[in-house]
Each structure stands twice: as C-alpha cells, then as structure tokens.
Protein backbone atom coordinates (compact mmCIF):
# COMPACT_ATOMS: atom_id res chain seq x y z
CA MET A 1 17.43 97.59 20.28
CA ARG A 2 16.39 98.07 16.66
CA ILE A 3 19.08 96.89 14.24
CA ALA A 4 19.92 96.09 10.64
CA VAL A 5 22.08 93.05 9.83
CA ILE A 6 24.08 92.97 6.59
CA THR A 7 26.34 90.17 5.40
CA GLY A 8 29.05 90.62 2.80
CA ALA A 9 29.40 94.13 4.17
CA SER A 10 33.11 94.56 3.46
CA SER A 11 32.64 95.11 -0.28
CA GLY A 12 30.31 95.03 -3.25
CA MET A 13 26.56 94.94 -2.81
CA GLY A 14 26.78 94.37 0.92
CA ARG A 15 28.82 97.50 1.49
CA GLU A 16 26.53 99.56 -0.76
CA PHE A 17 23.50 98.27 1.16
CA VAL A 18 25.12 99.55 4.35
CA TYR A 19 25.44 103.03 2.87
CA ALA A 20 21.92 103.01 1.44
CA LEU A 21 20.21 101.87 4.63
CA ASP A 22 22.31 104.28 6.67
CA ARG A 23 20.99 107.14 4.54
CA GLU A 24 17.44 105.79 4.52
CA GLU A 25 16.62 105.38 8.20
CA ARG A 26 17.75 105.29 11.78
CA PHE A 27 18.87 102.21 13.69
CA ASP A 28 20.27 101.70 17.15
CA GLU A 29 23.01 99.69 15.42
CA ILE A 30 23.92 98.27 12.05
CA TRP A 31 25.60 94.89 12.40
CA VAL A 32 28.02 94.44 9.50
CA ILE A 33 29.28 90.91 8.86
CA ALA A 34 32.21 89.82 6.69
CA ARG A 35 35.68 88.27 6.99
CA ARG A 36 37.75 91.44 6.60
CA GLU A 37 37.58 93.20 9.95
CA GLN A 38 39.51 96.29 8.85
CA ARG A 39 37.05 96.91 6.02
CA LEU A 40 34.20 96.64 8.50
CA GLU A 41 35.87 99.03 10.94
CA GLU A 42 36.10 101.64 8.16
CA LEU A 43 32.31 101.73 8.01
CA ARG A 44 32.16 103.27 11.49
CA GLU A 45 33.49 106.56 10.15
CA LYS A 46 31.33 106.55 7.03
CA CYS A 47 27.90 105.98 8.61
CA ARG A 48 25.71 108.20 10.73
CA ASN A 49 24.18 105.17 12.50
CA PRO A 50 26.27 103.27 15.05
CA VAL A 51 28.03 100.37 13.31
CA ARG A 52 29.01 97.12 15.01
CA PRO A 53 31.64 95.19 13.05
CA VAL A 54 31.11 91.44 13.30
CA PRO A 55 34.10 89.72 11.64
CA LEU A 56 32.86 86.26 10.69
CA ASP A 57 33.69 83.83 7.92
CA LEU A 58 30.30 82.46 6.86
CA LEU A 59 31.97 79.46 5.24
CA LYS A 60 32.72 78.24 8.77
CA ARG A 61 29.87 76.65 10.70
CA GLU A 62 31.17 77.99 14.00
CA SER A 63 30.47 81.53 12.78
CA TYR A 64 26.75 80.87 12.98
CA GLU A 65 27.07 79.83 16.58
CA VAL A 66 28.75 83.19 17.30
CA TYR A 67 25.86 85.00 15.60
CA ARG A 68 23.28 82.91 17.48
CA ARG A 69 24.91 83.77 20.83
CA MET A 70 24.98 87.47 19.93
CA LEU A 71 21.26 87.40 19.23
CA GLU A 72 20.50 85.54 22.45
CA GLN A 73 22.55 88.00 24.47
CA GLU A 74 21.35 91.24 22.87
CA LYS A 75 17.77 90.18 22.03
CA PRO A 76 17.55 92.81 19.27
CA GLU A 77 14.63 93.69 17.06
CA ILE A 78 15.87 93.05 13.52
CA ALA A 79 14.25 95.61 11.23
CA VAL A 80 16.30 94.75 8.14
CA LEU A 81 18.29 91.67 7.15
CA VAL A 82 20.43 91.79 4.00
CA ASN A 83 22.06 88.59 2.79
CA ALA A 84 24.67 89.86 0.33
CA ALA A 85 27.56 87.51 1.09
CA GLY A 86 28.42 85.36 -1.89
CA PHE A 87 30.71 84.76 -4.84
CA GLY A 88 30.88 82.99 -8.19
CA LEU A 89 33.36 81.54 -10.65
CA PHE A 90 33.26 81.64 -14.44
CA GLY A 91 34.59 78.57 -16.24
CA THR A 92 34.00 74.98 -17.29
CA PHE A 93 32.53 72.96 -14.42
CA SER A 94 34.86 69.97 -14.77
CA GLU A 95 37.97 72.15 -14.99
CA MET A 96 37.42 74.28 -11.91
CA ASP A 97 38.43 73.43 -8.36
CA LEU A 98 35.84 71.27 -6.61
CA ASN A 99 36.29 72.82 -3.17
CA GLU A 100 35.76 76.32 -4.51
CA GLN A 101 32.57 75.24 -6.23
CA LEU A 102 31.31 73.62 -3.06
CA ASP A 103 32.12 76.87 -1.25
CA ILE A 104 29.87 78.73 -3.70
CA ILE A 105 26.96 76.50 -2.69
CA ASP A 106 27.80 76.68 1.01
CA LEU A 107 27.97 80.48 1.05
CA ASN A 108 25.41 81.58 -1.53
CA ALA A 109 22.74 79.09 -0.50
CA GLY A 110 23.76 77.59 2.83
CA GLY A 111 24.99 80.79 4.45
CA LEU A 112 21.91 82.74 3.38
CA THR A 113 19.69 79.96 4.72
CA ALA A 114 21.48 79.89 8.07
CA MET A 115 21.31 83.68 8.49
CA CYS A 116 17.58 83.65 7.79
CA TYR A 117 16.97 80.71 10.12
CA LEU A 118 18.80 82.32 13.04
CA SER A 119 17.33 85.77 12.41
CA VAL A 120 13.65 84.83 11.94
CA PRO A 121 12.80 84.72 15.69
CA TYR A 122 14.09 88.30 16.03
CA LEU A 123 12.41 89.80 12.97
CA ALA A 124 9.97 92.48 14.06
CA ALA A 125 6.57 93.06 12.46
CA GLY A 126 7.25 95.05 9.31
CA ALA A 127 10.81 93.72 9.02
CA ARG A 128 12.38 93.43 5.57
CA VAL A 129 14.68 90.71 4.26
CA TYR A 130 16.73 91.32 1.11
CA ASN A 131 18.34 88.21 -0.37
CA MET A 132 20.81 88.71 -3.21
CA GLY A 133 19.84 86.64 -6.21
CA SER A 134 20.80 87.24 -9.82
CA MET A 135 19.50 87.15 -13.36
CA SER A 136 21.05 83.67 -13.20
CA SER A 137 18.20 82.78 -10.83
CA TRP A 138 15.85 82.47 -13.79
CA GLN A 139 17.67 80.03 -16.08
CA PRO A 140 20.45 77.43 -16.21
CA VAL A 141 23.72 79.18 -17.11
CA PRO A 142 26.47 77.03 -18.63
CA TYR A 143 30.00 78.10 -17.60
CA ILE A 144 28.50 79.88 -14.57
CA ASN A 145 26.89 76.61 -13.67
CA VAL A 146 27.17 76.30 -9.90
CA TYR A 147 26.77 80.02 -9.23
CA GLY A 148 23.59 80.15 -11.32
CA ALA A 149 22.16 77.10 -9.57
CA SER A 150 22.89 78.65 -6.16
CA LYS A 151 21.02 81.79 -7.18
CA ALA A 152 18.05 79.77 -8.43
CA TYR A 153 17.90 78.41 -4.89
CA VAL A 154 17.91 81.96 -3.50
CA LEU A 155 14.91 82.93 -5.62
CA SER A 156 12.87 79.84 -4.72
CA PHE A 157 13.79 79.99 -1.04
CA SER A 158 13.01 83.71 -0.75
CA ARG A 159 9.58 83.34 -2.31
CA ALA A 160 8.65 80.43 -0.06
CA LEU A 161 10.01 82.08 3.11
CA GLY A 162 8.12 85.27 2.30
CA GLN A 163 4.89 83.30 2.08
CA GLU A 164 5.57 81.64 5.43
CA LEU A 165 6.32 84.98 7.14
CA LYS A 166 3.43 86.90 5.62
CA GLY A 167 1.31 86.38 8.73
CA ARG A 168 3.97 88.18 10.78
CA SER A 169 4.03 91.14 8.34
CA VAL A 170 7.63 90.32 7.42
CA ARG A 171 8.52 90.90 3.77
CA VAL A 172 11.15 88.88 1.92
CA MET A 173 12.55 89.98 -1.43
CA ALA A 174 14.95 88.37 -3.89
CA VAL A 175 17.08 91.04 -5.56
CA CYS A 176 17.90 89.67 -9.03
CA PRO A 177 20.11 92.11 -10.98
CA GLY A 178 22.04 91.64 -14.18
CA TRP A 179 25.73 92.52 -14.42
CA ILE A 180 26.84 94.94 -11.68
CA THR A 181 30.07 96.89 -11.42
CA THR A 182 31.43 95.42 -8.16
CA GLU A 183 34.45 93.47 -6.91
CA PHE A 184 32.57 90.26 -7.75
CA PHE A 185 34.46 90.05 -11.05
CA ASP A 186 37.87 90.23 -9.34
CA ARG A 187 37.32 86.69 -8.10
CA ALA A 188 34.89 85.30 -10.67
CA VAL A 189 36.87 86.03 -13.82
CA HIS A 190 40.13 84.14 -14.38
CA ASP A 191 40.01 83.62 -18.17
CA ASP A 192 37.92 84.55 -21.21
CA THR A 193 35.28 81.84 -20.77
CA ILE A 194 32.61 84.53 -20.44
CA ARG A 195 33.12 87.13 -23.17
CA TYR A 196 29.76 88.79 -23.70
CA TYR A 197 28.35 91.24 -21.18
CA ASN A 198 25.32 93.06 -22.56
CA ARG A 199 25.21 95.91 -20.03
CA PHE A 200 26.43 96.86 -16.57
CA TYR A 201 24.59 98.71 -13.81
CA PRO A 202 26.10 100.52 -10.81
CA PRO A 203 25.23 98.87 -7.48
CA GLU A 204 23.63 102.06 -6.19
CA GLN A 205 20.92 101.83 -8.86
CA VAL A 206 20.23 98.18 -8.07
CA ILE A 207 19.78 98.96 -4.38
CA GLU A 208 17.71 102.07 -4.98
CA LYS A 209 15.34 99.98 -7.10
CA ALA A 210 15.23 97.25 -4.46
CA LEU A 211 14.33 99.71 -1.71
CA ARG A 212 11.52 101.14 -3.86
CA ASP A 213 10.24 97.70 -4.80
CA MET A 214 10.21 96.59 -1.17
CA LYS A 215 8.01 99.57 -0.28
CA LYS A 216 5.65 98.50 -3.07
CA GLY A 217 5.36 95.05 -1.58
CA LYS A 218 7.16 93.24 -4.40
CA THR A 219 8.81 89.90 -3.76
CA VAL A 220 11.38 90.20 -6.56
CA SER A 221 13.36 93.24 -7.71
CA ILE A 222 14.93 93.44 -11.17
CA LEU A 223 16.58 96.61 -12.40
CA GLY A 224 16.26 97.43 -16.11
CA LEU A 225 13.53 96.87 -18.66
CA PRO A 226 15.68 94.49 -20.77
CA GLU A 227 16.38 92.37 -17.69
CA GLN A 228 12.73 92.37 -16.68
CA ALA A 229 11.78 91.27 -20.19
CA GLN A 230 14.41 88.52 -20.12
CA ALA A 231 13.15 87.15 -16.81
CA ALA A 232 9.61 87.09 -18.17
CA MET A 233 10.56 85.48 -21.50
CA VAL A 234 12.72 82.63 -20.23
CA LYS A 235 9.74 81.26 -18.28
CA HIS A 236 8.04 80.48 -21.58
CA LEU A 237 10.96 79.56 -23.83
CA PRO A 238 12.41 76.04 -24.12
CA VAL A 239 15.31 75.64 -21.71
CA LYS A 240 17.57 74.26 -24.45
CA PHE A 241 16.91 77.34 -26.60
CA VAL A 242 17.75 79.65 -23.70
CA MET A 243 21.02 77.84 -22.96
CA ASP A 244 21.98 77.62 -26.64
CA THR A 245 21.41 81.36 -27.03
CA TRP A 246 23.61 82.10 -24.02
CA CYS A 247 26.36 79.82 -25.34
CA ARG A 248 26.30 81.45 -28.77
CA GLN A 249 26.71 84.86 -27.09
CA GLN A 250 29.80 83.51 -25.37
CA GLY A 251 31.23 82.04 -28.56
CA LYS A 252 30.64 78.43 -27.47
C-alpha cells in the first residue's frame, strides 16, 4: 500500500499540503493526522485519493504508539511524509505560560522527530519528507523566542536526516517560509508584541514552491526573493545586529 502521511492536516499548511498532494499524484491512501477528527473527516469528500483520518494529539506520547501499531499492522510504503503540525506564541518569554512554551518544543521539534523516527523504516526509495520550518529557522527571534528556536532545530535536523537517508534515495526538505496567511496567527497573536509584518504569502504558493524545489533535489525551500536574500545575509551578519534590527522593526 503506497501512502502519504500528513500531520497538522486539520488546518493551515497541513491541510493545504493534503490538497496539493491529492492533486499532484495518486496514493492508495492519504493518512491525515490531527486532533480535530471532524475536520479530518471533511477531507474525505474533498480529495480524489482515499483519505484515512487518524485523530491523534501529537502532544501525547501515547499517540506515537498508536501510529507505530498502525504501521506495523498495515506495513505501508510511505511515499510522502509531511510534518506540518506545530504552533507558536508571540510575546515576552518570561511573561508567557511555561507549559504552553514547553508544548511548542514538544510538538514542533519532538513531534516531528518522533514521526520521522517511526516512519523511516517504511520510507520507500524515492520517498520525500517535508518538514515545516520557518524564516525563524535562520536567526534568533526575540519575542518569538521558543518558536524560533524550535524551527532552528527543524532546519538542522532535516539537513542531517537527509544526509543519513541519501543512500536510500530518500529526500528530506525543510520548508522555511516567511509570514503565511493561515490559522497560525489565531493562536500565536494575543497582543501587539509583534507589530511589523513585511509581507504575507498564501500557503498554496509556499507549497507549490516546495513541491518544485523537492523535484530539483533541494534540501531547503524558501518562497520569495526577499526571504531568500534574508536567509543568505543573516549567515554573515553579526547575530546582535540581526536581533537589534528585528527589535527595532517591532518598536522594541
């Protein structure tokens, strides 16, 4: 059975990845993973490929045991894995809830790691892994502190895993977009800590670029020339200068 597995599939980038992959190719099933079962069920009627809703909360360790048992039982060939589950919070580190910030790390970094670990034995030759990073992957980001650090992990982890899996012809890509118009902001924004947003991109464009970049064999996908220039520049600029510039943009 040839399948695609997509986390965070109930909304945002995960949901848009479902639609894009459904248009792009044929699978025996698309496994869609998220907490909100009803949102997953809705995907059945919107996709041409068979969809299997897998309602799991990836902040709970027992969810990974459920996924492991599913893989052992079905023994699928995973053609595509998309790790899009994640969230962030904007605000001052010391003033935000500790448990929520730990959840950011557990989901954005820990959950992605667990999904890759459990899926690797089932990845077929030529399989593709898309891990959702961010422009925050490239630099420390005050007031998006923990989220940015979790996305730096995603970039480093994806590059290293891709190198390890190269011999199996499995490609791993970190998708590192700028601001995207998704439901992410419904949870992330609770005050005016972050005031400056230079530009927004629709999720469809981000994914379209990622699919093209994967075919080109790239390990990182960044939509937009300004964002690509930023990622290149911050590697060579002093970290303090980069953070000070960001803070000035936010009126700090």
